[in-house]
Amino acid sequence: MNQKNSLGLDSCFLDTNDPIELFNKWMNKAKETELNDPNALSLATTDKNGFPSVRIVLLKDFSKNGFVFYTNLNSQKSLSLKENPKAEMCFYWKSLLRQVRVSGYASLVSDKVADDYYNTRPHAARIGAWASKQSTVLKDKDELINSIKKYKEKYNNEKNVDRPEYWSGWNLTPKNIEFWLEGENRIHERLKYSKDDNGNWNKFLLHP
């Protein structure tokens, strides 16, 4: 029989008032059990007309200040976030039968943070940031191949590849974080944390 926490949930929910601490525990567990990309998440955005779009991105950092991913600032996701900074992330770890949803407000990271992360990327990935006009129409594959070749020639020193000004990171500052564990007969376990106007986290159970 599974051990329970003080709320009667599975012990994997811990007993903590800090959802970031709980997310860290779950992410570390996912790194042990997920075959590919435990940091993959679905990112949902809406544009100024309220039209939604969703795609998979990779989480690159997280802390009490938020959840960070990187992208082209001219991409559809970035244009949507500029028009409407409200967004939601959804992590699903099939190996653990767990899900986490994070909703809040997105803002750009500082240039220094973006530079520091960009410089950790493989040379080919940094070249790709220059070569790809993300989300725009591609005439044919040769157009992209030639663009990659051009920037490889320009930035042939792997230690010296500038970060494009149109490439940076977004930080999702959480307002709500929900943890979900699959249960038998669809009686799932759900724990939601919501941040109040004073910046304090409140937690409560949700019906499955």
N, C-alpha and C. Protein backbone atom coordinates (compact mmCIF):
# COMPACT_ATOMS: atom_id res chain seq x y z
N MET A 1 0.85 -1.20 0.00
CA MET A 1 0.00 0.00 0.00
C MET A 1 0.88 1.24 0.00
N ASN A 2 0.56 2.19 -0.88
CA ASN A 2 1.38 3.39 -0.97
C ASN A 2 1.26 4.23 0.29
N GLN A 3 2.38 4.83 0.69
CA GLN A 3 2.36 5.73 1.82
C GLN A 3 1.67 7.03 1.42
N LYS A 4 1.08 7.71 2.39
CA LYS A 4 0.33 8.93 2.13
C LYS A 4 0.97 10.11 2.86
N ASN A 5 0.71 11.31 2.33
CA ASN A 5 1.16 12.51 3.05
C ASN A 5 0.02 13.00 3.94
N SER A 6 0.18 14.18 4.53
CA SER A 6 -0.79 14.66 5.51
C SER A 6 -2.14 14.99 4.88
N LEU A 7 -2.19 15.18 3.55
CA LEU A 7 -3.44 15.46 2.86
C LEU A 7 -4.11 14.18 2.34
N GLY A 8 -3.49 13.04 2.60
CA GLY A 8 -4.03 11.78 2.13
C GLY A 8 -3.64 11.44 0.71
N LEU A 9 -2.71 12.23 0.12
CA LEU A 9 -2.22 11.96 -1.22
C LEU A 9 -1.03 11.02 -1.17
N ASP A 10 -0.70 10.47 -2.32
CA ASP A 10 0.50 9.64 -2.42
C ASP A 10 1.70 10.42 -1.89
N SER A 11 2.63 9.72 -1.26
CA SER A 11 3.78 10.38 -0.63
C SER A 11 4.67 11.12 -1.63
N CYS A 12 4.50 10.85 -2.94
CA CYS A 12 5.30 11.58 -3.93
C CYS A 12 4.94 13.06 -3.95
N PHE A 13 3.78 13.43 -3.37
CA PHE A 13 3.39 14.84 -3.29
C PHE A 13 4.11 15.57 -2.16
N LEU A 14 4.82 14.82 -1.32
CA LEU A 14 5.54 15.39 -0.18
C LEU A 14 4.58 16.12 0.76
N ASP A 15 5.14 16.84 1.71
CA ASP A 15 4.41 17.75 2.59
C ASP A 15 5.17 19.07 2.57
N THR A 16 4.87 19.90 1.58
CA THR A 16 5.60 21.15 1.44
C THR A 16 4.67 22.25 0.97
N ASN A 17 4.95 23.46 1.40
CA ASN A 17 4.20 24.63 0.95
C ASN A 17 4.88 25.31 -0.24
N ASP A 18 5.95 24.70 -0.72
CA ASP A 18 6.73 25.28 -1.81
C ASP A 18 6.60 24.41 -3.06
N PRO A 19 5.83 24.86 -4.07
CA PRO A 19 5.66 24.03 -5.26
C PRO A 19 6.93 23.87 -6.08
N ILE A 20 7.86 24.80 -5.96
CA ILE A 20 9.12 24.67 -6.69
C ILE A 20 9.95 23.52 -6.13
N GLU A 21 9.91 23.35 -4.81
CA GLU A 21 10.59 22.22 -4.18
C GLU A 21 9.99 20.91 -4.69
N LEU A 22 8.66 20.85 -4.77
CA LEU A 22 8.00 19.64 -5.24
C LEU A 22 8.30 19.41 -6.72
N PHE A 23 8.28 20.47 -7.52
CA PHE A 23 8.59 20.32 -8.94
C PHE A 23 10.01 19.79 -9.12
N ASN A 24 10.93 20.28 -8.33
CA ASN A 24 12.32 19.82 -8.42
C ASN A 24 12.42 18.32 -8.15
N LYS A 25 11.69 17.85 -7.14
CA LYS A 25 11.69 16.42 -6.83
C LYS A 25 11.13 15.61 -7.99
N TRP A 26 10.03 16.08 -8.55
CA TRP A 26 9.40 15.35 -9.65
C TRP A 26 10.28 15.38 -10.90
N MET A 27 10.89 16.51 -11.18
CA MET A 27 11.77 16.60 -12.35
C MET A 27 12.97 15.66 -12.20
N ASN A 28 13.56 15.63 -11.02
CA ASN A 28 14.70 14.73 -10.81
C ASN A 28 14.29 13.27 -10.98
N LYS A 29 13.09 12.93 -10.54
CA LYS A 29 12.60 11.57 -10.72
C LYS A 29 12.38 11.28 -12.20
N ALA A 30 11.85 12.26 -12.93
CA ALA A 30 11.61 12.07 -14.36
C ALA A 30 12.91 11.87 -15.12
N LYS A 31 13.97 12.51 -14.68
CA LYS A 31 15.27 12.34 -15.32
C LYS A 31 15.77 10.91 -15.18
N GLU A 32 15.32 10.21 -14.15
CA GLU A 32 15.72 8.82 -13.94
C GLU A 32 14.89 7.84 -14.78
N THR A 33 13.67 8.23 -15.14
CA THR A 33 12.75 7.26 -15.72
C THR A 33 12.33 7.55 -17.17
N GLU A 34 12.40 8.82 -17.59
CA GLU A 34 11.97 9.16 -18.94
C GLU A 34 13.09 8.87 -19.93
N LEU A 35 12.75 8.20 -21.01
CA LEU A 35 13.73 7.79 -22.00
C LEU A 35 14.31 8.99 -22.75
N ASN A 36 13.45 9.92 -23.12
CA ASN A 36 13.89 11.09 -23.89
C ASN A 36 13.32 12.38 -23.31
N ASP A 37 14.15 13.38 -23.21
CA ASP A 37 13.74 14.75 -22.90
C ASP A 37 12.75 14.87 -21.74
N PRO A 38 13.17 14.55 -20.53
CA PRO A 38 12.27 14.74 -19.39
C PRO A 38 11.89 16.20 -19.17
N ASN A 39 12.66 17.11 -19.78
CA ASN A 39 12.38 18.54 -19.65
C ASN A 39 11.47 19.07 -20.75
N ALA A 40 10.90 18.17 -21.57
CA ALA A 40 9.98 18.59 -22.63
C ALA A 40 8.64 19.00 -22.03
N LEU A 41 8.04 20.03 -22.61
CA LEU A 41 6.76 20.52 -22.13
C LEU A 41 5.94 21.06 -23.29
N SER A 42 4.64 21.05 -23.13
CA SER A 42 3.74 21.69 -24.08
C SER A 42 3.54 23.13 -23.62
N LEU A 43 3.79 24.06 -24.52
CA LEU A 43 3.63 25.49 -24.20
C LEU A 43 2.41 26.02 -24.96
N ALA A 44 1.44 26.51 -24.22
CA ALA A 44 0.22 27.06 -24.82
C ALA A 44 0.24 28.58 -24.73
N THR A 45 -0.03 29.23 -25.86
CA THR A 45 -0.10 30.68 -25.92
C THR A 45 -1.34 31.08 -26.70
N THR A 46 -1.72 32.36 -26.59
CA THR A 46 -2.79 32.91 -27.42
C THR A 46 -2.34 34.25 -27.96
N ASP A 47 -2.78 34.57 -29.18
CA ASP A 47 -2.42 35.86 -29.75
C ASP A 47 -3.41 36.93 -29.33
N LYS A 48 -3.27 38.13 -29.88
CA LYS A 48 -4.11 39.26 -29.47
C LYS A 48 -5.59 39.03 -29.79
N ASN A 49 -5.86 38.12 -30.73
CA ASN A 49 -7.25 37.81 -31.08
C ASN A 49 -7.81 36.64 -30.28
N GLY A 50 -6.99 36.12 -29.35
CA GLY A 50 -7.44 35.01 -28.52
C GLY A 50 -7.33 33.66 -29.18
N PHE A 51 -6.62 33.60 -30.32
CA PHE A 51 -6.47 32.32 -31.02
C PHE A 51 -5.34 31.53 -30.38
N PRO A 52 -5.59 30.29 -29.94
CA PRO A 52 -4.57 29.52 -29.22
C PRO A 52 -3.62 28.78 -30.15
N SER A 53 -2.43 28.49 -29.63
CA SER A 53 -1.49 27.60 -30.31
C SER A 53 -0.66 26.91 -29.23
N VAL A 54 -0.22 25.69 -29.55
CA VAL A 54 0.54 24.91 -28.58
C VAL A 54 1.63 24.17 -29.32
N ARG A 55 2.79 24.01 -28.65
CA ARG A 55 3.92 23.31 -29.24
C ARG A 55 4.81 22.78 -28.11
N ILE A 56 5.72 21.88 -28.47
CA ILE A 56 6.65 21.32 -27.50
C ILE A 56 7.93 22.17 -27.48
N VAL A 57 8.37 22.57 -26.29
CA VAL A 57 9.66 23.23 -26.12
C VAL A 57 10.39 22.53 -24.97
N LEU A 58 11.63 22.91 -24.76
CA LEU A 58 12.42 22.30 -23.69
C LEU A 58 12.70 23.30 -22.57
N LEU A 59 12.42 22.90 -21.35
CA LEU A 59 12.74 23.71 -20.19
C LEU A 59 14.25 23.70 -19.97
N LYS A 60 14.84 24.87 -19.83
CA LYS A 60 16.29 24.96 -19.66
C LYS A 60 16.71 25.40 -18.26
N ASP A 61 15.79 25.97 -17.51
CA ASP A 61 16.12 26.38 -16.15
C ASP A 61 14.82 26.63 -15.40
N PHE A 62 14.86 26.51 -14.08
CA PHE A 62 13.71 26.89 -13.27
C PHE A 62 14.19 27.22 -11.86
N SER A 63 13.44 28.08 -11.21
CA SER A 63 13.73 28.51 -9.85
C SER A 63 12.44 29.13 -9.30
N LYS A 64 12.54 29.70 -8.11
CA LYS A 64 11.37 30.36 -7.54
C LYS A 64 10.92 31.54 -8.41
N ASN A 65 11.82 32.01 -9.28
CA ASN A 65 11.50 33.15 -10.13
C ASN A 65 10.78 32.76 -11.42
N GLY A 66 10.80 31.46 -11.77
CA GLY A 66 10.07 31.05 -12.95
C GLY A 66 10.72 29.92 -13.72
N PHE A 67 10.11 29.64 -14.88
CA PHE A 67 10.49 28.51 -15.74
C PHE A 67 10.94 29.08 -17.09
N VAL A 68 12.15 28.70 -17.52
CA VAL A 68 12.80 29.38 -18.66
C VAL A 68 12.97 28.44 -19.86
N PHE A 69 12.63 28.96 -21.04
CA PHE A 69 12.95 28.29 -22.30
C PHE A 69 13.48 29.33 -23.27
N TYR A 70 14.14 28.87 -24.34
CA TYR A 70 14.77 29.78 -25.30
C TYR A 70 14.21 29.56 -26.70
N THR A 71 14.20 30.65 -27.48
CA THR A 71 13.63 30.56 -28.82
C THR A 71 13.97 31.80 -29.64
N ASN A 72 13.59 31.76 -30.90
CA ASN A 72 13.69 32.92 -31.78
C ASN A 72 12.59 33.91 -31.41
N LEU A 73 12.93 35.16 -31.25
CA LEU A 73 11.94 36.15 -30.82
C LEU A 73 10.99 36.55 -31.94
N ASN A 74 11.25 36.06 -33.15
CA ASN A 74 10.33 36.29 -34.26
C ASN A 74 9.45 35.08 -34.54
N SER A 75 9.57 34.04 -33.72
CA SER A 75 8.76 32.84 -33.89
C SER A 75 7.31 33.13 -33.50
N GLN A 76 6.43 32.23 -33.87
CA GLN A 76 5.02 32.42 -33.54
C GLN A 76 4.80 32.51 -32.05
N LYS A 77 5.48 31.65 -31.29
CA LYS A 77 5.29 31.65 -29.84
C LYS A 77 5.71 32.99 -29.23
N SER A 78 6.84 33.54 -29.72
CA SER A 78 7.32 34.80 -29.19
C SER A 78 6.40 35.96 -29.57
N LEU A 79 5.93 35.97 -30.81
CA LEU A 79 5.02 37.03 -31.23
C LEU A 79 3.73 36.99 -30.41
N SER A 80 3.25 35.78 -30.12
CA SER A 80 2.05 35.64 -29.30
C SER A 80 2.30 36.15 -27.88
N LEU A 81 3.46 35.81 -27.32
CA LEU A 81 3.76 36.23 -25.95
C LEU A 81 3.95 37.74 -25.85
N LYS A 82 4.43 38.35 -26.93
CA LYS A 82 4.55 39.81 -26.93
C LYS A 82 3.17 40.47 -26.93
N GLU A 83 2.21 39.82 -27.59
CA GLU A 83 0.85 40.34 -27.65
C GLU A 83 0.06 40.01 -26.40
N ASN A 84 0.31 38.82 -25.85
CA ASN A 84 -0.42 38.37 -24.66
C ASN A 84 0.53 37.52 -23.82
N PRO A 85 1.08 38.06 -22.74
CA PRO A 85 2.09 37.34 -21.96
C PRO A 85 1.55 36.20 -21.11
N LYS A 86 0.24 36.03 -21.06
CA LYS A 86 -0.32 34.92 -20.29
C LYS A 86 -0.07 33.62 -21.04
N ALA A 87 0.43 32.60 -20.33
CA ALA A 87 0.77 31.33 -20.98
C ALA A 87 0.68 30.20 -19.97
N GLU A 88 0.70 28.97 -20.50
CA GLU A 88 0.69 27.79 -19.63
C GLU A 88 1.63 26.73 -20.18
N MET A 89 2.33 26.07 -19.27
CA MET A 89 3.19 24.94 -19.58
C MET A 89 2.55 23.67 -19.03
N CYS A 90 2.73 22.57 -19.76
CA CYS A 90 2.24 21.28 -19.27
C CYS A 90 3.32 20.23 -19.48
N PHE A 91 3.77 19.63 -18.39
CA PHE A 91 4.72 18.53 -18.42
C PHE A 91 3.94 17.23 -18.22
N TYR A 92 4.27 16.20 -19.02
CA TYR A 92 3.66 14.89 -18.81
C TYR A 92 4.75 13.83 -18.88
N TRP A 93 4.88 13.09 -17.79
CA TRP A 93 5.88 12.03 -17.70
C TRP A 93 5.15 10.69 -17.67
N LYS A 94 5.06 10.05 -18.82
CA LYS A 94 4.31 8.81 -18.95
C LYS A 94 4.86 7.71 -18.06
N SER A 95 6.19 7.68 -17.91
CA SER A 95 6.82 6.63 -17.10
C SER A 95 6.39 6.73 -15.63
N LEU A 96 6.02 7.91 -15.20
CA LEU A 96 5.63 8.13 -13.81
C LEU A 96 4.13 8.31 -13.63
N LEU A 97 3.40 8.43 -14.75
CA LEU A 97 1.96 8.71 -14.72
C LEU A 97 1.70 10.02 -13.97
N ARG A 98 2.58 11.00 -14.22
CA ARG A 98 2.47 12.29 -13.54
C ARG A 98 2.40 13.43 -14.56
N GLN A 99 1.73 14.50 -14.15
CA GLN A 99 1.60 15.70 -14.97
C GLN A 99 1.74 16.93 -14.09
N VAL A 100 2.33 17.98 -14.64
CA VAL A 100 2.42 19.26 -13.94
C VAL A 100 2.00 20.36 -14.90
N ARG A 101 1.12 21.24 -14.45
CA ARG A 101 0.70 22.40 -15.24
C ARG A 101 1.15 23.66 -14.52
N VAL A 102 1.73 24.58 -15.28
CA VAL A 102 2.23 25.84 -14.73
C VAL A 102 1.65 26.98 -15.55
N SER A 103 0.90 27.86 -14.94
CA SER A 103 0.35 29.01 -15.66
C SER A 103 0.81 30.30 -15.01
N GLY A 104 0.99 31.33 -15.85
CA GLY A 104 1.45 32.59 -15.33
C GLY A 104 1.72 33.58 -16.44
N TYR A 105 2.71 34.43 -16.21
CA TYR A 105 3.01 35.53 -17.12
C TYR A 105 4.46 35.42 -17.59
N ALA A 106 4.64 35.55 -18.91
CA ALA A 106 5.98 35.41 -19.50
C ALA A 106 6.63 36.76 -19.70
N SER A 107 7.94 36.79 -19.48
CA SER A 107 8.74 37.99 -19.74
C SER A 107 10.11 37.55 -20.23
N LEU A 108 10.79 38.43 -20.95
CA LEU A 108 12.10 38.09 -21.48
C LEU A 108 13.15 38.04 -20.39
N VAL A 109 14.10 37.13 -20.51
CA VAL A 109 15.22 37.09 -19.59
C VAL A 109 16.18 38.22 -19.95
N SER A 110 17.12 38.51 -19.09
CA SER A 110 18.10 39.57 -19.36
C SER A 110 19.06 39.13 -20.46
N ASP A 111 19.71 40.10 -21.08
CA ASP A 111 20.70 39.79 -22.11
C ASP A 111 21.82 38.92 -21.56
N LYS A 112 22.22 39.17 -20.32
CA LYS A 112 23.30 38.39 -19.73
C LYS A 112 22.89 36.93 -19.56
N VAL A 113 21.69 36.71 -19.07
CA VAL A 113 21.20 35.34 -18.90
C VAL A 113 21.13 34.64 -20.26
N ALA A 114 20.62 35.34 -21.27
CA ALA A 114 20.54 34.75 -22.61
C ALA A 114 21.92 34.46 -23.17
N ASP A 115 22.86 35.39 -22.98
CA ASP A 115 24.23 35.18 -23.47
C ASP A 115 24.87 33.97 -22.80
N ASP A 116 24.71 33.89 -21.49
CA ASP A 116 25.33 32.80 -20.74
C ASP A 116 24.82 31.45 -21.22
N TYR A 117 23.50 31.35 -21.44
CA TYR A 117 22.97 30.07 -21.91
C TYR A 117 23.39 29.81 -23.36
N TYR A 118 23.29 30.82 -24.21
CA TYR A 118 23.63 30.65 -25.63
C TYR A 118 25.04 30.11 -25.80
N ASN A 119 25.95 30.58 -24.96
CA ASN A 119 27.36 30.17 -25.09
C ASN A 119 27.61 28.74 -24.62
N THR A 120 26.61 28.11 -23.99
CA THR A 120 26.75 26.70 -23.60
C THR A 120 26.27 25.76 -24.71
N ARG A 121 25.60 26.31 -25.71
CA ARG A 121 25.03 25.49 -26.78
C ARG A 121 26.12 24.98 -27.72
N PRO A 122 25.92 23.81 -28.32
CA PRO A 122 26.88 23.32 -29.31
C PRO A 122 27.02 24.32 -30.46
N HIS A 123 28.18 24.29 -31.10
CA HIS A 123 28.44 25.23 -32.20
C HIS A 123 27.34 25.16 -33.26
N ALA A 124 26.93 23.96 -33.64
CA ALA A 124 25.92 23.79 -34.68
C ALA A 124 24.58 24.41 -34.27
N ALA A 125 24.25 24.34 -32.99
CA ALA A 125 23.00 24.91 -32.52
C ALA A 125 23.06 26.43 -32.54
N ARG A 126 24.22 26.99 -32.23
CA ARG A 126 24.38 28.45 -32.30
C ARG A 126 24.30 28.93 -33.74
N ILE A 127 24.90 28.16 -34.66
CA ILE A 127 24.80 28.49 -36.08
C ILE A 127 23.35 28.43 -36.53
N GLY A 128 22.64 27.41 -36.06
CA GLY A 128 21.24 27.25 -36.43
C GLY A 128 20.38 28.43 -36.01
N ALA A 129 20.72 29.03 -34.87
CA ALA A 129 19.97 30.20 -34.41
C ALA A 129 20.08 31.36 -35.40
N TRP A 130 21.23 31.46 -36.06
CA TRP A 130 21.44 32.48 -37.09
C TRP A 130 20.77 32.08 -38.40
N ALA A 131 20.90 30.82 -38.77
CA ALA A 131 20.52 30.39 -40.12
C ALA A 131 19.02 30.26 -40.32
N SER A 132 18.28 29.94 -39.26
CA SER A 132 16.85 29.68 -39.40
C SER A 132 16.01 30.92 -39.12
N LYS A 133 15.15 31.27 -40.06
CA LYS A 133 14.17 32.33 -39.86
C LYS A 133 12.90 31.65 -39.34
N GLN A 134 12.95 31.26 -38.09
CA GLN A 134 11.96 30.36 -37.52
C GLN A 134 10.52 30.79 -37.77
N SER A 135 9.71 29.82 -38.19
CA SER A 135 8.27 29.95 -38.41
C SER A 135 7.90 30.65 -39.72
N THR A 136 8.89 31.19 -40.47
CA THR A 136 8.57 31.80 -41.75
C THR A 136 8.57 30.74 -42.84
N VAL A 137 8.00 31.06 -43.98
CA VAL A 137 7.91 30.10 -45.08
C VAL A 137 9.30 29.81 -45.65
N LEU A 138 9.61 28.53 -45.83
CA LEU A 138 10.88 28.08 -46.41
C LEU A 138 10.64 27.69 -47.86
N LYS A 139 11.33 28.36 -48.77
CA LYS A 139 11.12 28.10 -50.19
C LYS A 139 11.45 26.65 -50.54
N ASP A 140 12.61 26.20 -50.11
CA ASP A 140 13.01 24.80 -50.29
C ASP A 140 14.14 24.51 -49.32
N LYS A 141 14.50 23.23 -49.18
CA LYS A 141 15.51 22.84 -48.20
C LYS A 141 16.88 23.46 -48.51
N ASP A 142 17.17 23.67 -49.79
CA ASP A 142 18.46 24.25 -50.16
C ASP A 142 18.63 25.65 -49.57
N GLU A 143 17.54 26.37 -49.44
CA GLU A 143 17.61 27.71 -48.85
C GLU A 143 18.18 27.65 -47.44
N LEU A 144 17.71 26.69 -46.66
CA LEU A 144 18.19 26.55 -45.29
C LEU A 144 19.63 26.02 -45.28
N ILE A 145 19.92 25.03 -46.11
CA ILE A 145 21.27 24.47 -46.17
C ILE A 145 22.29 25.53 -46.53
N ASN A 146 21.96 26.37 -47.48
CA ASN A 146 22.87 27.44 -47.90
C ASN A 146 23.04 28.49 -46.80
N SER A 147 21.98 28.74 -46.06
CA SER A 147 22.06 29.69 -44.96
C SER A 147 22.97 29.16 -43.86
N ILE A 148 22.84 27.87 -43.55
CA ILE A 148 23.72 27.25 -42.55
C ILE A 148 25.17 27.34 -43.00
N LYS A 149 25.41 27.05 -44.27
CA LYS A 149 26.77 27.10 -44.81
C LYS A 149 27.34 28.51 -44.70
N LYS A 150 26.54 29.51 -45.00
CA LYS A 150 26.99 30.90 -44.94
C LYS A 150 27.43 31.29 -43.54
N TYR A 151 26.63 30.90 -42.54
CA TYR A 151 26.96 31.29 -41.17
C TYR A 151 28.08 30.44 -40.58
N LYS A 152 28.24 29.22 -41.07
CA LYS A 152 29.39 28.43 -40.65
C LYS A 152 30.69 29.08 -41.12
N GLU A 153 30.65 29.62 -42.31
CA GLU A 153 31.84 30.31 -42.84
C GLU A 153 32.09 31.61 -42.09
N LYS A 154 31.02 32.31 -41.73
CA LYS A 154 31.17 33.57 -41.02
C LYS A 154 31.67 33.34 -39.60
N TYR A 155 31.13 32.31 -38.94
CA TYR A 155 31.50 32.02 -37.55
C TYR A 155 32.25 30.69 -37.50
N ASN A 156 33.44 30.67 -38.13
CA ASN A 156 34.21 29.43 -38.18
C ASN A 156 34.98 29.17 -36.89
N ASN A 157 35.05 30.17 -36.03
CA ASN A 157 35.67 30.00 -34.72
C ASN A 157 34.58 29.59 -33.73
N GLU A 158 34.60 28.34 -33.30
CA GLU A 158 33.53 27.83 -32.45
C GLU A 158 33.41 28.55 -31.11
N LYS A 159 34.48 29.21 -30.71
CA LYS A 159 34.46 29.90 -29.42
C LYS A 159 33.95 31.34 -29.55
N ASN A 160 33.67 31.76 -30.77
CA ASN A 160 33.27 33.15 -30.97
C ASN A 160 32.10 33.23 -31.94
N VAL A 161 30.91 32.93 -31.41
CA VAL A 161 29.68 33.03 -32.19
C VAL A 161 28.73 33.95 -31.42
N ASP A 162 28.49 35.12 -31.96
CA ASP A 162 27.61 36.08 -31.30
C ASP A 162 26.19 35.54 -31.19
N ARG A 163 25.50 35.97 -30.16
CA ARG A 163 24.08 35.62 -30.04
C ARG A 163 23.27 36.61 -30.88
N PRO A 164 22.39 36.09 -31.75
CA PRO A 164 21.53 37.00 -32.52
C PRO A 164 20.65 37.81 -31.59
N GLU A 165 20.44 39.06 -31.92
CA GLU A 165 19.61 39.92 -31.06
C GLU A 165 18.16 39.44 -31.04
N TYR A 166 17.77 38.65 -32.02
CA TYR A 166 16.40 38.14 -32.09
C TYR A 166 16.26 36.75 -31.47
N TRP A 167 17.26 36.33 -30.72
CA TRP A 167 17.21 35.01 -30.06
C TRP A 167 17.43 35.21 -28.58
N SER A 168 16.51 34.73 -27.76
CA SER A 168 16.64 34.95 -26.32
C SER A 168 15.76 33.95 -25.57
N GLY A 169 15.56 34.22 -24.29
CA GLY A 169 14.77 33.32 -23.46
C GLY A 169 13.55 34.00 -22.88
N TRP A 170 12.55 33.18 -22.61
CA TRP A 170 11.34 33.63 -21.93
C TRP A 170 11.27 32.97 -20.56
N ASN A 171 10.87 33.74 -19.57
CA ASN A 171 10.69 33.23 -18.22
C ASN A 171 9.21 33.30 -17.86
N LEU A 172 8.62 32.14 -17.56
CA LEU A 172 7.23 32.10 -17.14
C LEU A 172 7.17 32.18 -15.61
N THR A 173 6.72 33.33 -15.11
CA THR A 173 6.56 33.51 -13.68
C THR A 173 5.24 32.88 -13.25
N PRO A 174 5.27 31.85 -12.41
CA PRO A 174 4.04 31.10 -12.13
C PRO A 174 3.07 31.81 -11.21
N LYS A 175 1.81 31.68 -11.56
CA LYS A 175 0.70 32.12 -10.71
C LYS A 175 -0.01 30.91 -10.12
N ASN A 176 -0.08 29.83 -10.91
CA ASN A 176 -0.69 28.58 -10.47
C ASN A 176 0.18 27.40 -10.92
N ILE A 177 0.33 26.41 -10.07
CA ILE A 177 1.04 25.18 -10.41
C ILE A 177 0.21 24.01 -9.89
N GLU A 178 -0.13 23.09 -10.80
CA GLU A 178 -0.94 21.93 -10.41
C GLU A 178 -0.16 20.64 -10.66
N PHE A 179 -0.16 19.76 -9.66
CA PHE A 179 0.49 18.46 -9.73
C PHE A 179 -0.60 17.39 -9.81
N TRP A 180 -0.40 16.44 -10.73
CA TRP A 180 -1.42 15.42 -11.03
C TRP A 180 -0.77 14.04 -11.05
N LEU A 181 -1.42 13.08 -10.43
CA LEU A 181 -0.96 11.69 -10.43
C LEU A 181 -2.12 10.80 -10.85
N GLU A 182 -1.87 9.94 -11.83
CA GLU A 182 -2.93 9.06 -12.32
C GLU A 182 -3.37 8.09 -11.23
N GLY A 183 -4.69 7.90 -11.13
CA GLY A 183 -5.23 6.96 -10.17
C GLY A 183 -6.09 5.90 -10.84
N GLU A 184 -6.39 4.84 -10.13
CA GLU A 184 -7.23 3.77 -10.68
C GLU A 184 -8.65 4.28 -10.92
N ASN A 185 -9.28 3.77 -11.98
CA ASN A 185 -10.66 4.12 -12.31
C ASN A 185 -10.84 5.63 -12.47
N ARG A 186 -9.77 6.28 -12.93
CA ARG A 186 -9.77 7.72 -13.19
C ARG A 186 -9.99 8.56 -11.93
N ILE A 187 -9.73 7.98 -10.77
CA ILE A 187 -9.76 8.75 -9.52
C ILE A 187 -8.35 9.29 -9.29
N HIS A 188 -8.02 10.33 -10.06
CA HIS A 188 -6.67 10.88 -10.03
C HIS A 188 -6.45 11.74 -8.78
N GLU A 189 -5.21 11.97 -8.45
CA GLU A 189 -4.86 12.82 -7.32
C GLU A 189 -4.32 14.14 -7.86
N ARG A 190 -4.92 15.24 -7.39
CA ARG A 190 -4.56 16.57 -7.90
C ARG A 190 -4.32 17.52 -6.74
N LEU A 191 -3.19 18.22 -6.82
CA LEU A 191 -2.83 19.21 -5.80
C LEU A 191 -2.45 20.50 -6.52
N LYS A 192 -3.15 21.57 -6.17
CA LYS A 192 -2.92 22.86 -6.83
C LYS A 192 -2.37 23.88 -5.85
N TYR A 193 -1.35 24.62 -6.31
CA TYR A 193 -0.79 25.74 -5.58
C TYR A 193 -1.14 27.02 -6.32
N SER A 194 -1.65 28.02 -5.61
CA SER A 194 -1.96 29.33 -6.19
C SER A 194 -1.27 30.41 -5.37
N LYS A 195 -0.69 31.37 -6.07
CA LYS A 195 0.02 32.46 -5.39
C LYS A 195 -0.93 33.63 -5.17
N ASP A 196 -0.99 34.13 -3.93
CA ASP A 196 -1.89 35.25 -3.63
C ASP A 196 -1.21 36.58 -3.94
N ASP A 197 -1.90 37.67 -3.67
CA ASP A 197 -1.39 39.00 -4.00
C ASP A 197 -0.16 39.39 -3.18
N ASN A 198 0.07 38.68 -2.09
CA ASN A 198 1.24 38.95 -1.25
C ASN A 198 2.42 38.06 -1.61
N GLY A 199 2.26 37.24 -2.64
CA GLY A 199 3.34 36.37 -3.08
C GLY A 199 3.45 35.08 -2.31
N ASN A 200 2.42 34.75 -1.54
CA ASN A 200 2.43 33.50 -0.77
C ASN A 200 1.69 32.41 -1.53
N TRP A 201 2.19 31.18 -1.39
CA TRP A 201 1.55 30.04 -2.04
C TRP A 201 0.50 29.42 -1.12
N ASN A 202 -0.68 29.18 -1.67
CA ASN A 202 -1.74 28.45 -0.98
C ASN A 202 -1.99 27.16 -1.74
N LYS A 203 -2.25 26.08 -1.04
CA LYS A 203 -2.45 24.80 -1.72
C LYS A 203 -3.78 24.20 -1.33
N PHE A 204 -4.37 23.42 -2.27
CA PHE A 204 -5.64 22.78 -2.02
C PHE A 204 -5.80 21.62 -2.99
N LEU A 205 -6.67 20.69 -2.60
CA LEU A 205 -6.97 19.52 -3.42
C LEU A 205 -8.01 19.88 -4.48
N LEU A 206 -7.96 19.14 -5.61
CA LEU A 206 -8.96 19.29 -6.64
C LEU A 206 -9.64 17.94 -6.89
N HIS A 207 -10.92 17.98 -7.23
CA HIS A 207 -11.60 16.77 -7.66
C HIS A 207 -10.90 16.22 -8.91
N PRO A 208 -10.88 14.90 -9.08
CA PRO A 208 -10.25 14.33 -10.28
C PRO A 208 -11.08 14.64 -11.54
